[in-house]
Amino acid sequence: GRAGRGFLYTLTRALGDLSALFSGDSKKRAKRAGRRATGKATGKAFRKLFR
């Protein structure tokens, strides 16, 4: 029993870390994509203003 329990514990912890990592990454990616989109939009607006 004890070895099996420890293995399950480490497995669940590893899975939790992985899920947290993936959710954090997707959030960061979404933020980056959003920033890029807004940056492009504002850049176009600025160019129109300064032309």
N, C-alpha and C. Protein backbone atom coordinates (compact mmCIF):
# COMPACT_ATOMS: atom_id res chain seq x y z
N GLY A 1 0.63 -1.21 0.00
CA GLY A 1 0.00 0.00 0.00
C GLY A 1 0.68 1.30 0.00
N ARG A 2 1.75 1.46 0.80
CA ARG A 2 2.29 2.83 0.92
C ARG A 2 2.92 3.31 -0.38
N ALA A 3 3.65 2.42 -1.06
CA ALA A 3 4.32 2.82 -2.30
C ALA A 3 3.28 3.22 -3.34
N GLY A 4 2.20 2.44 -3.43
CA GLY A 4 1.15 2.74 -4.40
C GLY A 4 0.51 4.08 -4.12
N ARG A 5 0.28 4.36 -2.82
CA ARG A 5 -0.33 5.63 -2.45
C ARG A 5 0.59 6.79 -2.83
N GLY A 6 1.88 6.64 -2.55
CA GLY A 6 2.83 7.69 -2.89
C GLY A 6 2.87 7.94 -4.39
N PHE A 7 2.78 6.83 -5.15
CA PHE A 7 2.79 6.98 -6.61
C PHE A 7 1.55 7.74 -7.07
N LEU A 8 0.40 7.37 -6.49
CA LEU A 8 -0.84 8.07 -6.87
C LEU A 8 -0.75 9.55 -6.52
N TYR A 9 -0.17 9.83 -5.35
CA TYR A 9 -0.03 11.22 -4.90
C TYR A 9 0.82 12.02 -5.87
N THR A 10 2.00 11.46 -6.23
CA THR A 10 2.88 12.17 -7.15
C THR A 10 2.22 12.31 -8.51
N LEU A 11 1.47 11.28 -8.93
CA LEU A 11 0.81 11.33 -10.23
C LEU A 11 -0.24 12.44 -10.26
N THR A 12 -1.07 12.50 -9.21
CA THR A 12 -2.11 13.54 -9.18
C THR A 12 -1.47 14.92 -9.11
N ARG A 13 -0.37 15.03 -8.35
CA ARG A 13 0.31 16.33 -8.26
C ARG A 13 0.87 16.73 -9.61
N ALA A 14 1.48 15.76 -10.33
CA ALA A 14 2.04 16.04 -11.65
C ALA A 14 0.93 16.46 -12.60
N LEU A 15 -0.21 15.76 -12.53
CA LEU A 15 -1.34 16.10 -13.40
C LEU A 15 -1.86 17.50 -13.08
N GLY A 16 -1.92 17.83 -11.79
CA GLY A 16 -2.37 19.16 -11.40
C GLY A 16 -1.43 20.23 -11.93
N ASP A 17 -0.12 19.99 -11.81
CA ASP A 17 0.85 20.94 -12.32
C ASP A 17 0.69 21.11 -13.82
N LEU A 18 0.50 19.99 -14.53
CA LEU A 18 0.35 20.04 -15.98
C LEU A 18 -0.88 20.85 -16.36
N SER A 19 -2.01 20.57 -15.70
CA SER A 19 -3.25 21.28 -16.04
C SER A 19 -3.09 22.77 -15.75
N ALA A 20 -2.44 23.12 -14.62
CA ALA A 20 -2.22 24.52 -14.28
C ALA A 20 -1.32 25.16 -15.33
N LEU A 21 -0.30 24.42 -15.74
CA LEU A 21 0.63 24.94 -16.74
C LEU A 21 -0.11 25.22 -18.04
N PHE A 22 -0.94 24.26 -18.47
CA PHE A 22 -1.64 24.42 -19.75
C PHE A 22 -2.63 25.57 -19.68
N SER A 23 -3.39 25.68 -18.60
CA SER A 23 -4.37 26.75 -18.49
C SER A 23 -3.66 28.11 -18.45
N GLY A 24 -2.55 28.18 -17.71
CA GLY A 24 -1.79 29.42 -17.65
C GLY A 24 -1.25 29.80 -19.01
N ASP A 25 -0.72 28.80 -19.73
CA ASP A 25 -0.17 29.06 -21.06
C ASP A 25 -1.24 29.58 -22.00
N SER A 26 -2.42 28.93 -21.99
CA SER A 26 -3.48 29.35 -22.90
C SER A 26 -3.91 30.78 -22.57
N LYS A 27 -3.96 31.12 -21.29
CA LYS A 27 -4.33 32.48 -20.89
C LYS A 27 -3.29 33.47 -21.39
N LYS A 28 -2.00 33.13 -21.20
CA LYS A 28 -0.93 34.01 -21.66
C LYS A 28 -1.00 34.18 -23.16
N ARG A 29 -1.24 33.06 -23.87
CA ARG A 29 -1.31 33.11 -25.33
C ARG A 29 -2.47 34.00 -25.76
N ALA A 30 -3.61 33.87 -25.10
CA ALA A 30 -4.77 34.68 -25.44
C ALA A 30 -4.46 36.16 -25.21
N LYS A 31 -3.80 36.46 -24.09
CA LYS A 31 -3.44 37.84 -23.79
C LYS A 31 -2.51 38.38 -24.86
N ARG A 32 -1.50 37.57 -25.23
CA ARG A 32 -0.54 38.00 -26.23
C ARG A 32 -1.22 38.25 -27.57
N ALA A 33 -2.11 37.32 -27.95
CA ALA A 33 -2.83 37.45 -29.22
C ALA A 33 -3.70 38.71 -29.19
N GLY A 34 -4.37 38.93 -28.06
CA GLY A 34 -5.21 40.12 -27.92
C GLY A 34 -4.39 41.39 -28.02
N ARG A 35 -3.24 41.40 -27.35
CA ARG A 35 -2.37 42.58 -27.41
C ARG A 35 -1.90 42.83 -28.83
N ARG A 36 -1.54 41.74 -29.53
CA ARG A 36 -1.07 41.87 -30.90
C ARG A 36 -2.17 42.45 -31.78
N ALA A 37 -3.40 41.95 -31.59
CA ALA A 37 -4.53 42.42 -32.40
C ALA A 37 -4.79 43.90 -32.12
N THR A 38 -4.83 44.27 -30.83
CA THR A 38 -5.09 45.67 -30.49
C THR A 38 -3.94 46.55 -30.96
N GLY A 39 -2.71 46.04 -30.86
CA GLY A 39 -1.55 46.80 -31.33
C GLY A 39 -1.65 47.09 -32.81
N LYS A 40 -2.04 46.08 -33.59
CA LYS A 40 -2.20 46.27 -35.03
C LYS A 40 -3.29 47.30 -35.31
N ALA A 41 -4.42 47.18 -34.59
CA ALA A 41 -5.54 48.10 -34.80
C ALA A 41 -5.14 49.53 -34.47
N THR A 42 -4.49 49.73 -33.31
CA THR A 42 -4.08 51.08 -32.93
C THR A 42 -3.03 51.61 -33.89
N GLY A 43 -2.14 50.73 -34.36
CA GLY A 43 -1.12 51.15 -35.32
C GLY A 43 -1.76 51.67 -36.60
N LYS A 44 -2.77 50.96 -37.08
CA LYS A 44 -3.47 51.41 -38.29
C LYS A 44 -4.15 52.75 -38.05
N ALA A 45 -4.79 52.89 -36.91
CA ALA A 45 -5.48 54.14 -36.58
C ALA A 45 -4.49 55.29 -36.53
N PHE A 46 -3.34 55.07 -35.90
CA PHE A 46 -2.32 56.12 -35.80
C PHE A 46 -1.81 56.52 -37.17
N ARG A 47 -1.58 55.52 -38.04
CA ARG A 47 -1.10 55.83 -39.38
C ARG A 47 -2.10 56.68 -40.14
N LYS A 48 -3.38 56.35 -39.98
CA LYS A 48 -4.43 57.13 -40.65
C LYS A 48 -4.43 58.56 -40.11
N LEU A 49 -4.24 58.69 -38.81
CA LEU A 49 -4.26 60.02 -38.19
C LEU A 49 -3.09 60.87 -38.68
N PHE A 50 -1.92 60.25 -38.81
CA PHE A 50 -0.73 61.03 -39.14
C PHE A 50 -0.53 61.23 -40.63
N ARG A 51 -1.36 60.58 -41.47
CA ARG A 51 -1.19 60.74 -42.90
C ARG A 51 -1.73 62.07 -43.38
